[in-house]
Amino acid sequence: MTDRATPSDTYSYLGPAGTFTEAALKLVEAAAGKPWRSVNNVGEALDDVVTGRSVGAVIAIENSIDGGVSATQDALARIPGVRIVGEYLVPVDFVLVARHGTALSDVRTVNAHPVAYAQTHRWLETNLRGHGHIPASSNVAAATALLDEHPVADAAVAPPGITDHHDLAVLASSIGDNASAVTRFVLVSRTLAIPERTGADKTSVIVELPSEHPGALVDMLEQFATRGINMGLLSSRPIGDELGRYRFVIDLDGHVHDERVADALLGLRRFSPRVTFLGSYPRADGFRPEVSARYSDEAFVEARDWLRAIVSGEPDVEPEPEPEAG
């Protein structure tokens, strides 16, 4: 892929080639056959979108082992004008690579990104007792450093497929400590158009508490509980203006076009000094939440119609009872 492209069709991702973010971008149908731009960090990826260098950017937002990605959450809170329009799940596993001719018994030091090392340390301790760990700036950097004239490590923890891009040997595969580890990536764009609801959707927001008083967090959570909305993610991040002030990154089950979700967002807007709507988009796992009848769209519409009739002075007409079966 070349980095020279028109802003209208370029997609940015955290590179270089071979990263898990690139694997996520491969899942974006709209990006197939389009130019991809490798960037160094989340801020640069979002800046590409805001300035128009790219039509979209894929960034990691959550890991099933480590939770929310703080750099992404902070950047989304700080950089206005972007929306999440899709999400993608990438299984996270690792391989141990080395220069050709290196045997597993030769390895004394391992180069690895701290997160990758944390997710493989049990395998490493079992199979490379007494090894030393040298932190790397990224998973790919750990591997490419082995190709230096005088490498600082004997082996590196890297993503699967790294040998498609770099001339290294795989000493061991599937060395991750958790076989079900998954990283969730989102596609971010400048478009304000909201994807159509599918019934298997997610809505993401960032909410600040109005003040630090007892029960403030409960007050915020009640906006969802009283409308039957489940939260898939609730992550706190410091606002940074003073000690003890936090914002909350929240994923809701449902779409902004769902009456219960729209009503909750109205409640949040009345409650919070700042609500950032990040987007409503199809869930990557296709999960469709069960919605109680009292939280259905029909229930909200019927309640509004009932109140409208009262205010307009219409006669109060009881609904016809449902006919009994049989």
C-alpha atoms as a PDB file:
ATOM      1  CA  MET A   1       0.000   0.000   0.000  1.00  0.00           C
ATOM      2  CA  THR A   2       1.251   3.489  -0.781  1.00  0.00           C
ATOM      3  CA  ASP A   3       0.962   6.527   1.458  1.00  0.00           C
ATOM      4  CA  ARG A   4       0.491   8.840  -1.573  1.00  0.00           C
ATOM      5  CA  ALA A   5      -3.252   9.231  -2.049  1.00  0.00           C
ATOM      6  CA  THR A   6      -6.083  11.686  -2.264  1.00  0.00           C
ATOM      7  CA  PRO A   7      -7.754  12.520   1.056  1.00  0.00           C
ATOM      8  CA  SER A   8     -11.054  11.121  -0.184  1.00  0.00           C
ATOM      9  CA  ASP A   9      -9.981   7.477  -0.208  1.00  0.00           C
ATOM     10  CA  THR A  10      -7.093   7.067   2.265  1.00  0.00           C
ATOM     11  CA  TYR A  11      -7.376   5.123   5.524  1.00  0.00           C
ATOM     12  CA  SER A  12      -4.992   5.632   8.426  1.00  0.00           C
ATOM     13  CA  TYR A  13      -3.851   2.980  10.881  1.00  0.00           C
ATOM     14  CA  LEU A  14      -1.281   2.521  13.600  1.00  0.00           C
ATOM     15  CA  GLY A  15       1.653   1.012  11.750  1.00  0.00           C
ATOM     16  CA  PRO A  16       3.947  -0.162  10.455  1.00  0.00           C
ATOM     17  CA  ALA A  17       2.736  -3.105   8.384  1.00  0.00           C
ATOM     18  CA  GLY A  18       2.149  -6.227  10.419  1.00  0.00           C
ATOM     19  CA  THR A  19       0.414  -4.662  13.442  1.00  0.00           C
ATOM     20  CA  PHE A  20      -2.894  -5.801  14.891  1.00  0.00           C
ATOM     21  CA  THR A  21      -4.332  -2.466  13.735  1.00  0.00           C
ATOM     22  CA  GLU A  22      -3.463  -3.321  10.159  1.00  0.00           C
ATOM     23  CA  ALA A  23      -5.217  -6.661  10.660  1.00  0.00           C
ATOM     24  CA  ALA A  24      -8.315  -4.734  11.810  1.00  0.00           C
ATOM     25  CA  LEU A  25      -8.164  -2.443   8.785  1.00  0.00           C
ATOM     26  CA  LYS A  26      -8.214  -5.513   6.555  1.00  0.00           C
ATOM     27  CA  LEU A  27     -11.707  -6.194   7.954  1.00  0.00           C
ATOM     28  CA  VAL A  28     -13.035  -2.815   6.770  1.00  0.00           C
ATOM     29  CA  GLU A  29     -14.797  -3.542   3.489  1.00  0.00           C
ATOM     30  CA  ALA A  30     -14.761   0.098   2.377  1.00  0.00           C
ATOM     31  CA  ALA A  31     -10.963   0.203   2.725  1.00  0.00           C
ATOM     32  CA  ALA A  32     -10.325  -2.735   0.397  1.00  0.00           C
ATOM     33  CA  GLY A  33      -8.239  -1.638  -2.563  1.00  0.00           C
ATOM     34  CA  LYS A  34      -7.810   1.880  -1.156  1.00  0.00           C
ATOM     35  CA  PRO A  35      -4.516   3.477  -0.055  1.00  0.00           C
ATOM     36  CA  TRP A  36      -3.522   2.968   3.578  1.00  0.00           C
ATOM     37  CA  ARG A  37      -1.455   5.449   5.551  1.00  0.00           C
ATOM     38  CA  SER A  38       0.714   4.176   8.408  1.00  0.00           C
ATOM     39  CA  VAL A  39       0.909   6.542  11.402  1.00  0.00           C
ATOM     40  CA  ASN A  40       2.792   6.507  14.692  1.00  0.00           C
ATOM     41  CA  ASN A  41       0.059   7.081  17.277  1.00  0.00           C
ATOM     42  CA  VAL A  42      -3.662   7.552  17.863  1.00  0.00           C
ATOM     43  CA  GLY A  43      -3.424  11.349  17.870  1.00  0.00           C
ATOM     44  CA  GLU A  44      -1.866  11.335  14.407  1.00  0.00           C
ATOM     45  CA  ALA A  45      -4.538   8.955  13.122  1.00  0.00           C
ATOM     46  CA  LEU A  46      -7.363  11.197  14.353  1.00  0.00           C
ATOM     47  CA  ASP A  47      -5.591  14.305  13.054  1.00  0.00           C
ATOM     48  CA  ASP A  48      -5.519  12.673   9.610  1.00  0.00           C
ATOM     49  CA  VAL A  49      -9.311  12.332   9.785  1.00  0.00           C
ATOM     50  CA  VAL A  50      -9.959  15.844  11.109  1.00  0.00           C
ATOM     51  CA  THR A  51      -7.713  17.528   8.532  1.00  0.00           C
ATOM     52  CA  GLY A  52      -8.997  15.418   5.641  1.00  0.00           C
ATOM     53  CA  ARG A  53      -5.781  13.559   4.903  1.00  0.00           C
ATOM     54  CA  SER A  54      -7.787  10.375   5.438  1.00  0.00           C
ATOM     55  CA  VAL A  55     -11.440   9.463   5.102  1.00  0.00           C
ATOM     56  CA  GLY A  56     -11.191   7.189   8.110  1.00  0.00           C
ATOM     57  CA  ALA A  57      -8.847   5.760  10.711  1.00  0.00           C
ATOM     58  CA  VAL A  58      -8.813   2.450  12.567  1.00  0.00           C
ATOM     59  CA  ILE A  59      -7.771   2.666  16.224  1.00  0.00           C
ATOM     60  CA  ALA A  60      -7.793   0.251  19.173  1.00  0.00           C
ATOM     61  CA  ILE A  61     -10.296   1.179  21.877  1.00  0.00           C
ATOM     62  CA  GLU A  62     -10.604  -1.862  24.148  1.00  0.00           C
ATOM     63  CA  ASN A  63      -8.829  -5.113  24.973  1.00  0.00           C
ATOM     64  CA  SER A  64     -10.518  -8.075  26.627  1.00  0.00           C
ATOM     65  CA  ILE A  65      -7.532  -8.492  28.967  1.00  0.00           C
ATOM     66  CA  ASP A  66      -6.416  -4.930  29.726  1.00  0.00           C
ATOM     67  CA  GLY A  67      -9.718  -3.076  29.327  1.00  0.00           C
ATOM     68  CA  GLY A  68     -10.095   0.331  27.688  1.00  0.00           C
ATOM     69  CA  VAL A  69      -7.202   1.848  25.733  1.00  0.00           C
ATOM     70  CA  SER A  70      -6.598   5.076  27.628  1.00  0.00           C
ATOM     71  CA  ALA A  71      -4.729   6.852  24.808  1.00  0.00           C
ATOM     72  CA  THR A  72      -7.680   6.336  22.471  1.00  0.00           C
ATOM     73  CA  GLN A  73     -10.293   7.316  25.049  1.00  0.00           C
ATOM     74  CA  ASP A  74      -8.428  10.516  25.914  1.00  0.00           C
ATOM     75  CA  ALA A  75      -7.921  11.415  22.257  1.00  0.00           C
ATOM     76  CA  LEU A  76     -11.616  10.927  21.444  1.00  0.00           C
ATOM     77  CA  ALA A  77     -12.525  13.212  24.351  1.00  0.00           C
ATOM     78  CA  ARG A  78     -10.017  15.841  23.279  1.00  0.00           C
ATOM     79  CA  ILE A  79     -10.411  15.927  19.486  1.00  0.00           C
ATOM     80  CA  PRO A  80     -13.834  17.137  18.268  1.00  0.00           C
ATOM     81  CA  GLY A  81     -15.500  16.423  14.958  1.00  0.00           C
ATOM     82  CA  VAL A  82     -15.045  12.656  14.683  1.00  0.00           C
ATOM     83  CA  ARG A  83     -17.558   9.813  14.880  1.00  0.00           C
ATOM     84  CA  ILE A  84     -17.279   6.070  15.304  1.00  0.00           C
ATOM     85  CA  VAL A  85     -18.966   4.377  12.336  1.00  0.00           C
ATOM     86  CA  GLY A  86     -17.952   0.745  12.831  1.00  0.00           C
ATOM     87  CA  GLU A  87     -16.175  -1.715  15.093  1.00  0.00           C
ATOM     88  CA  TYR A  88     -14.023  -4.774  14.437  1.00  0.00           C
ATOM     89  CA  LEU A  89     -12.732  -7.576  16.647  1.00  0.00           C
ATOM     90  CA  VAL A  90      -9.253  -9.024  16.172  1.00  0.00           C
ATOM     91  CA  PRO A  91      -8.080 -12.104  18.094  1.00  0.00           C
ATOM     92  CA  VAL A  92      -4.829 -11.337  19.881  1.00  0.00           C
ATOM     93  CA  ASP A  93      -2.098 -13.941  19.858  1.00  0.00           C
ATOM     94  CA  PHE A  94       1.652 -13.770  19.578  1.00  0.00           C
ATOM     95  CA  VAL A  95       4.637 -15.606  18.152  1.00  0.00           C
ATOM     96  CA  LEU A  96       8.251 -15.675  19.299  1.00  0.00           C
ATOM     97  CA  VAL A  97      10.593 -14.728  16.462  1.00  0.00           C
ATOM     98  CA  ALA A  98      14.367 -14.557  16.079  1.00  0.00           C
ATOM     99  CA  ARG A  99      17.075 -14.323  13.466  1.00  0.00           C
ATOM    100  CA  HIS A 100      17.445 -17.365  11.247  1.00  0.00           C
ATOM    101  CA  GLY A 101      19.709 -19.936  12.866  1.00  0.00           C
ATOM    102  CA  THR A 102      18.638 -19.067  16.429  1.00  0.00           C
ATOM    103  CA  ALA A 103      17.280 -21.939  18.504  1.00  0.00           C
ATOM    104  CA  LEU A 104      14.870 -21.590  21.403  1.00  0.00           C
ATOM    105  CA  SER A 105      17.618 -22.784  23.743  1.00  0.00           C
ATOM    106  CA  ASP A 106      19.792 -19.850  22.594  1.00  0.00           C
ATOM    107  CA  VAL A 107      17.358 -17.193  23.817  1.00  0.00           C
ATOM    108  CA  ARG A 108      18.438 -15.280  26.919  1.00  0.00           C
ATOM    109  CA  THR A 109      16.794 -11.897  26.323  1.00  0.00           C
ATOM    110  CA  VAL A 110      13.397 -11.080  24.791  1.00  0.00           C
ATOM    111  CA  ASN A 111      12.322  -7.792  23.223  1.00  0.00           C
ATOM    112  CA  ALA A 112       8.593  -7.094  23.666  1.00  0.00           C
ATOM    113  CA  HIS A 113       6.110  -4.284  24.031  1.00  0.00           C
ATOM    114  CA  PRO A 114       5.058  -4.164  27.718  1.00  0.00           C
ATOM    115  CA  VAL A 115       1.434  -5.079  26.929  1.00  0.00           C
ATOM    116  CA  ALA A 116       2.511  -7.992  24.731  1.00  0.00           C
ATOM    117  CA  TYR A 117       4.953  -9.135  27.390  1.00  0.00           C
ATOM    118  CA  ALA A 118       2.221  -9.035  30.049  1.00  0.00           C
ATOM    119  CA  GLN A 119       0.021 -11.229  27.840  1.00  0.00           C
ATOM    120  CA  THR A 120       2.772 -13.812  27.193  1.00  0.00           C
ATOM    121  CA  HIS A 121       4.802 -13.798  30.415  1.00  0.00           C
ATOM    122  CA  ARG A 122       3.499 -17.146  31.677  1.00  0.00           C
ATOM    123  CA  TRP A 123       4.587 -18.915  28.490  1.00  0.00           C
ATOM    124  CA  LEU A 124       7.919 -17.109  28.558  1.00  0.00           C
ATOM    125  CA  GLU A 125       8.572 -17.970  32.199  1.00  0.00           C
ATOM    126  CA  THR A 126       7.749 -21.622  31.549  1.00  0.00           C
ATOM    127  CA  ASN A 127       9.798 -22.009  28.365  1.00  0.00           C
ATOM    128  CA  LEU A 128      12.562 -19.420  28.859  1.00  0.00           C
ATOM    129  CA  ARG A 129      13.363 -19.568  32.552  1.00  0.00           C
ATOM    130  CA  GLY A 130      15.532 -16.705  33.740  1.00  0.00           C
ATOM    131  CA  HIS A 131      15.196 -14.696  30.527  1.00  0.00           C
ATOM    132  CA  GLY A 132      15.556 -10.922  30.477  1.00  0.00           C
ATOM    133  CA  HIS A 133      12.915  -8.552  29.091  1.00  0.00           C
ATOM    134  CA  ILE A 134      13.784  -5.462  27.039  1.00  0.00           C
ATOM    135  CA  PRO A 135      10.731  -3.196  26.485  1.00  0.00           C
ATOM    136  CA  ALA A 136       9.936  -2.132  22.911  1.00  0.00           C
ATOM    137  CA  SER A 137       7.872   0.785  21.640  1.00  0.00           C
ATOM    138  CA  SER A 138       5.582  -1.483  19.593  1.00  0.00           C
ATOM    139  CA  ASN A 139       5.070  -5.110  18.681  1.00  0.00           C
ATOM    140  CA  VAL A 140       6.535  -4.628  15.221  1.00  0.00           C
ATOM    141  CA  ALA A 141       9.462  -2.564  16.542  1.00  0.00           C
ATOM    142  CA  ALA A 142      10.354  -5.445  18.854  1.00  0.00           C
ATOM    143  CA  ALA A 143      10.687  -7.759  15.872  1.00  0.00           C
ATOM    144  CA  THR A 144      12.448  -5.382  13.489  1.00  0.00           C
ATOM    145  CA  ALA A 145      15.044  -4.533  16.147  1.00  0.00           C
ATOM    146  CA  LEU A 146      16.336  -8.095  15.751  1.00  0.00           C
ATOM    147  CA  LEU A 147      17.506  -7.151  12.263  1.00  0.00           C
ATOM    148  CA  ASP A 148      19.831  -4.417  13.572  1.00  0.00           C
ATOM    149  CA  GLU A 149      23.548  -4.991  13.112  1.00  0.00           C
ATOM    150  CA  HIS A 150      23.944  -5.475  16.852  1.00  0.00           C
ATOM    151  CA  PRO A 151      20.516  -6.507  18.226  1.00  0.00           C
ATOM    152  CA  VAL A 152      19.918  -5.977  21.939  1.00  0.00           C
ATOM    153  CA  ALA A 153      17.811  -9.142  22.267  1.00  0.00           C
ATOM    154  CA  ASP A 154      17.921 -12.722  21.084  1.00  0.00           C
ATOM    155  CA  ALA A 155      14.214 -12.980  20.284  1.00  0.00           C
ATOM    156  CA  ALA A 156      11.043 -10.903  20.193  1.00  0.00           C
ATOM    157  CA  VAL A 157       7.341 -11.257  20.913  1.00  0.00           C
ATOM    158  CA  ALA A 158       5.462 -10.229  17.761  1.00  0.00           C
ATOM    159  CA  PRO A 159       2.073 -10.523  16.031  1.00  0.00           C
ATOM    160  CA  PRO A 160       1.365 -13.541  13.835  1.00  0.00           C
ATOM    161  CA  GLY A 161       2.179 -12.794  10.212  1.00  0.00           C
ATOM    162  CA  ILE A 162       5.214 -10.694  11.072  1.00  0.00           C
ATOM    163  CA  THR A 163       7.335 -12.937   8.840  1.00  0.00           C
ATOM    164  CA  ASP A 164       5.216 -11.846   5.871  1.00  0.00           C
ATOM    165  CA  HIS A 165       6.914  -8.458   6.180  1.00  0.00           C
ATOM    166  CA  HIS A 166      10.290  -9.203   7.800  1.00  0.00           C
ATOM    167  CA  ASP A 167      12.866 -11.946   7.268  1.00  0.00           C
ATOM    168  CA  LEU A 168      12.685 -13.662  10.641  1.00  0.00           C
ATOM    169  CA  ALA A 169      12.184 -17.202  11.902  1.00  0.00           C
ATOM    170  CA  VAL A 170       9.291 -18.266  14.118  1.00  0.00           C
ATOM    171  CA  LEU A 171      10.571 -20.129  17.194  1.00  0.00           C
ATOM    172  CA  ALA A 172       7.130 -20.689  18.746  1.00  0.00           C
ATOM    173  CA  SER A 173       3.514 -19.915  17.849  1.00  0.00           C
ATOM    174  CA  SER A 174       0.400 -19.232  19.955  1.00  0.00           C
ATOM    175  CA  ILE A 175       2.367 -18.100  23.004  1.00  0.00           C
ATOM    176  CA  GLY A 176      -0.386 -15.867  24.380  1.00  0.00           C
ATOM    177  CA  ASP A 177      -1.475 -16.732  27.914  1.00  0.00           C
ATOM    178  CA  ASN A 178      -5.173 -16.238  27.110  1.00  0.00           C
ATOM    179  CA  ALA A 179      -6.423 -18.005  23.995  1.00  0.00           C
ATOM    180  CA  SER A 180      -9.637 -15.940  23.961  1.00  0.00           C
ATOM    181  CA  ALA A 181      -7.929 -12.524  24.065  1.00  0.00           C
ATOM    182  CA  VAL A 182      -9.501 -10.038  21.659  1.00  0.00           C
ATOM    183  CA  THR A 183      -8.852  -6.388  20.844  1.00  0.00           C
ATOM    184  CA  ARG A 184     -11.726  -4.195  19.745  1.00  0.00           C
ATOM    185  CA  PHE A 185     -10.977  -1.611  17.082  1.00  0.00           C
ATOM    186  CA  VAL A 186     -13.195   1.202  15.826  1.00  0.00           C
ATOM    187  CA  LEU A 187     -13.374   2.964  12.497  1.00  0.00           C
ATOM    188  CA  VAL A 188     -13.482   6.726  13.015  1.00  0.00           C
ATOM    189  CA  SER A 189     -14.663   9.198  10.383  1.00  0.00           C
ATOM    190  CA  ARG A 190     -15.723  12.822   9.996  1.00  0.00           C
ATOM    191  CA  THR A 191     -19.122  11.867   8.632  1.00  0.00           C
ATOM    192  CA  LEU A 192     -22.080  12.957  10.741  1.00  0.00           C
ATOM    193  CA  ALA A 193     -24.394  10.464   9.048  1.00  0.00           C
ATOM    194  CA  ILE A 194     -25.368   7.744  11.514  1.00  0.00           C
ATOM    195  CA  PRO A 195     -25.364   4.155  10.224  1.00  0.00           C
ATOM    196  CA  GLU A 196     -28.834   2.628  10.037  1.00  0.00           C
ATOM    197  CA  ARG A 197     -29.832   0.596  13.063  1.00  0.00           C
ATOM    198  CA  THR A 198     -29.665  -3.156  12.661  1.00  0.00           C
ATOM    199  CA  GLY A 199     -31.032  -4.358  16.007  1.00  0.00           C
ATOM    200  CA  ALA A 200     -27.487  -5.364  16.945  1.00  0.00           C
ATOM    201  CA  ASP A 201     -25.994  -1.945  17.620  1.00  0.00           C
ATOM    202  CA  LYS A 202     -23.855  -0.055  20.054  1.00  0.00           C
ATOM    203  CA  THR A 203     -23.832   3.618  21.067  1.00  0.00           C
ATOM    204  CA  SER A 204     -20.714   5.237  22.532  1.00  0.00           C
ATOM    205  CA  VAL A 205     -20.643   8.446  24.570  1.00  0.00           C
ATOM    206  CA  ILE A 206     -18.303  10.340  26.881  1.00  0.00           C
ATOM    207  CA  VAL A 207     -19.947  11.928  29.914  1.00  0.00           C
ATOM    208  CA  GLU A 208     -18.648  14.308  32.577  1.00  0.00           C
ATOM    209  CA  LEU A 209     -20.187  14.432  36.038  1.00  0.00           C
ATOM    210  CA  PRO A 210     -21.684  17.809  36.962  1.00  0.00           C
ATOM    211  CA  SER A 211     -20.020  17.846  40.385  1.00  0.00           C
ATOM    212  CA  GLU A 212     -18.213  15.666  42.876  1.00  0.00           C
ATOM    213  CA  HIS A 213     -20.986  14.933  45.342  1.00  0.00           C
ATOM    214  CA  PRO A 214     -22.106  11.684  46.971  1.00  0.00           C
ATOM    215  CA  GLY A 215     -24.247   9.703  44.557  1.00  0.00           C
ATOM    216  CA  ALA A 216     -23.248  11.647  41.425  1.00  0.00           C
ATOM    217  CA  LEU A 217     -22.154   8.493  39.623  1.00  0.00           C
ATOM    218  CA  VAL A 218     -25.339   6.694  40.669  1.00  0.00           C
ATOM    219  CA  ASP A 219     -27.381   9.606  39.287  1.00  0.00           C
ATOM    220  CA  MET A 220     -25.636   9.156  35.932  1.00  0.00           C
ATOM    221  CA  LEU A 221     -26.077   5.386  35.875  1.00  0.00           C
ATOM    222  CA  GLU A 222     -29.784   5.725  36.650  1.00  0.00           C
ATOM    223  CA  GLN A 223     -30.238   7.390  33.262  1.00  0.00           C
ATOM    224  CA  PHE A 224     -29.594   3.946  31.777  1.00  0.00           C
ATOM    225  CA  ALA A 225     -31.023   1.663  34.474  1.00  0.00           C
ATOM    226  CA  THR A 226     -34.451   3.331  34.436  1.00  0.00           C
ATOM    227  CA  ARG A 227     -34.653   2.823  30.656  1.00  0.00           C
ATOM    228  CA  GLY A 228     -33.502  -0.798  30.589  1.00  0.00           C
ATOM    229  CA  ILE A 229     -30.186  -0.076  28.854  1.00  0.00           C
ATOM    230  CA  ASN A 230     -27.180  -2.297  29.457  1.00  0.00           C
ATOM    231  CA  MET A 231     -23.673  -0.872  29.430  1.00  0.00           C
ATOM    232  CA  GLY A 232     -20.974  -2.887  27.683  1.00  0.00           C
ATOM    233  CA  LEU A 233     -18.194  -0.541  28.808  1.00  0.00           C
ATOM    234  CA  LEU A 234     -17.860   1.935  31.672  1.00  0.00           C
ATOM    235  CA  SER A 235     -14.376   3.388  31.915  1.00  0.00           C
ATOM    236  CA  SER A 236     -13.243   6.436  33.897  1.00  0.00           C
ATOM    237  CA  ARG A 237     -10.519   8.814  32.755  1.00  0.00           C
ATOM    238  CA  PRO A 238      -9.204  11.933  34.530  1.00  0.00           C
ATOM    239  CA  ILE A 239     -10.313  15.183  32.929  1.00  0.00           C
ATOM    240  CA  GLY A 240      -7.003  16.756  33.875  1.00  0.00           C
ATOM    241  CA  ASP A 241      -8.114  20.199  34.985  1.00  0.00           C
ATOM    242  CA  GLU A 242      -7.960  19.319  38.688  1.00  0.00           C
ATOM    243  CA  LEU A 243      -7.440  16.329  40.933  1.00  0.00           C
ATOM    244  CA  GLY A 244     -10.481  14.083  41.394  1.00  0.00           C
ATOM    245  CA  ARG A 245     -12.390  15.145  38.250  1.00  0.00           C
ATOM    246  CA  TYR A 246     -13.257  12.327  35.869  1.00  0.00           C
ATOM    247  CA  ARG A 247     -15.063  11.698  32.603  1.00  0.00           C
ATOM    248  CA  PHE A 248     -16.670   8.367  31.733  1.00  0.00           C
ATOM    249  CA  VAL A 249     -16.414   6.509  28.449  1.00  0.00           C
ATOM    250  CA  ILE A 250     -19.588   4.437  28.026  1.00  0.00           C
ATOM    251  CA  ASP A 251     -20.817   1.888  25.501  1.00  0.00           C
ATOM    252  CA  LEU A 252     -24.576   1.298  25.474  1.00  0.00           C
ATOM    253  CA  ASP A 253     -26.464  -1.632  23.999  1.00  0.00           C
ATOM    254  CA  GLY A 254     -28.679  -0.039  21.367  1.00  0.00           C
ATOM    255  CA  HIS A 255     -28.897   2.663  18.700  1.00  0.00           C
ATOM    256  CA  VAL A 256     -29.635   6.360  19.022  1.00  0.00           C
ATOM    257  CA  HIS A 257     -32.755   5.721  16.927  1.00  0.00           C
ATOM    258  CA  ASP A 258     -34.007   3.333  19.630  1.00  0.00           C
ATOM    259  CA  GLU A 259     -36.476   5.280  21.767  1.00  0.00           C
ATOM    260  CA  ARG A 260     -34.948   4.074  25.040  1.00  0.00           C
ATOM    261  CA  VAL A 261     -31.436   5.150  24.005  1.00  0.00           C
ATOM    262  CA  ALA A 262     -32.586   8.539  22.676  1.00  0.00           C
ATOM    263  CA  ASP A 263     -34.490   9.178  25.911  1.00  0.00           C
ATOM    264  CA  ALA A 264     -31.403   8.272  27.974  1.00  0.00           C
ATOM    265  CA  LEU A 265     -29.249  10.671  25.957  1.00  0.00           C
ATOM    266  CA  LEU A 266     -31.765  13.447  26.620  1.00  0.00           C
ATOM    267  CA  GLY A 267     -31.513  12.639  30.315  1.00  0.00           C
ATOM    268  CA  LEU A 268     -27.727  12.742  30.166  1.00  0.00           C
ATOM    269  CA  ARG A 269     -27.822  16.096  28.401  1.00  0.00           C
ATOM    270  CA  ARG A 270     -29.939  17.545  31.204  1.00  0.00           C
ATOM    271  CA  PHE A 271     -27.700  15.971  33.830  1.00  0.00           C
ATOM    272  CA  SER A 272     -24.165  16.517  32.569  1.00  0.00           C
ATOM    273  CA  PRO A 273     -22.270  19.707  31.656  1.00  0.00           C
ATOM    274  CA  ARG A 274     -20.719  17.873  28.714  1.00  0.00           C
ATOM    275  CA  VAL A 275     -21.882  14.838  26.761  1.00  0.00           C
ATOM    276  CA  THR A 276     -19.857  13.793  23.707  1.00  0.00           C
ATOM    277  CA  PHE A 277     -21.761  11.575  21.279  1.00  0.00           C
ATOM    278  CA  LEU A 278     -19.194   9.300  19.633  1.00  0.00           C
ATOM    279  CA  GLY A 279     -21.593   7.362  17.436  1.00  0.00           C
ATOM    280  CA  SER A 280     -24.115   4.574  16.956  1.00  0.00           C
ATOM    281  CA  TYR A 281     -22.905   1.690  14.809  1.00  0.00           C
ATOM    282  CA  PRO A 282     -23.378  -2.050  14.190  1.00  0.00           C
ATOM    283  CA  ARG A 283     -21.829  -4.373  16.762  1.00  0.00           C
ATOM    284  CA  ALA A 284     -19.015  -6.546  15.472  1.00  0.00           C
ATOM    285  CA  ASP A 285     -20.341  -9.596  17.323  1.00  0.00           C
ATOM    286  CA  GLY A 286     -23.905  -9.232  16.008  1.00  0.00           C
ATOM    287  CA  PHE A 287     -25.383  -9.512  19.515  1.00  0.00           C
ATOM    288  CA  ARG A 288     -29.044  -8.465  19.754  1.00  0.00           C
ATOM    289  CA  PRO A 289     -30.092  -7.535  23.301  1.00  0.00           C
ATOM    290  CA  GLU A 290     -33.443  -8.658  24.608  1.00  0.00           C
ATOM    291  CA  VAL A 291     -35.590  -5.589  25.298  1.00  0.00           C
ATOM    292  CA  SER A 292     -38.433  -5.746  27.783  1.00  0.00           C
ATOM    293  CA  ALA A 293     -41.822  -4.639  26.427  1.00  0.00           C
ATOM    294  CA  ARG A 294     -41.880  -1.633  28.759  1.00  0.00           C
ATOM    295  CA  TYR A 295     -38.661  -0.328  27.146  1.00  0.00           C
ATOM    296  CA  SER A 296     -39.696  -0.977  23.547  1.00  0.00           C
ATOM    297  CA  ASP A 297     -40.108   1.810  20.999  1.00  0.00           C
ATOM    298  CA  GLU A 298     -43.858   1.223  21.089  1.00  0.00           C
ATOM    299  CA  ALA A 299     -43.989   1.741  24.858  1.00  0.00           C
ATOM    300  CA  PHE A 300     -42.240   5.124  24.615  1.00  0.00           C
ATOM    301  CA  VAL A 301     -44.422   6.245  21.699  1.00  0.00           C
ATOM    302  CA  GLU A 302     -47.622   5.168  23.481  1.00  0.00           C
ATOM    303  CA  ALA A 303     -46.610   7.048  26.633  1.00  0.00           C
ATOM    304  CA  ARG A 304     -45.917  10.232  24.651  1.00  0.00           C
ATOM    305  CA  ASP A 305     -49.228   9.923  22.811  1.00  0.00           C
ATOM    306  CA  TRP A 306     -51.016   9.414  26.134  1.00  0.00           C
ATOM    307  CA  LEU A 307     -49.509  12.577  27.605  1.00  0.00           C
ATOM    308  CA  ARG A 308     -50.143  14.550  24.418  1.00  0.00           C
ATOM    309  CA  ALA A 309     -53.814  13.585  24.556  1.00  0.00           C
ATOM    310  CA  ILE A 310     -54.053  14.769  28.164  1.00  0.00           C
ATOM    311  CA  VAL A 311     -52.420  18.117  27.387  1.00  0.00           C
ATOM    312  CA  SER A 312     -54.602  18.671  24.311  1.00  0.00           C
ATOM    313  CA  GLY A 313     -57.807  17.895  26.219  1.00  0.00           C
ATOM    314  CA  GLU A 314     -58.722  14.757  24.320  1.00  0.00           C
ATOM    315  CA  PRO A 315     -61.084  12.334  26.067  1.00  0.00           C
ATOM    316  CA  ASP A 316     -59.372   9.611  28.027  1.00  0.00           C
ATOM    317  CA  VAL A 317     -60.070   6.362  26.165  1.00  0.00           C
ATOM    318  CA  GLU A 318     -58.967   3.091  27.698  1.00  0.00           C
ATOM    319  CA  PRO A 319     -57.273   0.718  25.232  1.00  0.00           C
ATOM    320  CA  GLU A 320     -59.308  -2.276  24.101  1.00  0.00           C
ATOM    321  CA  PRO A 321     -58.337  -5.420  26.030  1.00  0.00           C
ATOM    322  CA  GLU A 322     -56.463  -8.070  24.106  1.00  0.00           C
ATOM    323  CA  PRO A 323     -58.794 -10.951  23.088  1.00  0.00           C
ATOM    324  CA  GLU A 324     -58.221 -14.144  25.010  1.00  0.00           C
ATOM    325  CA  ALA A 325     -56.608 -16.973  23.127  1.00  0.00           C
ATOM    326  CA  GLY A 326     -58.932 -19.793  22.088  1.00  0.00           C
END
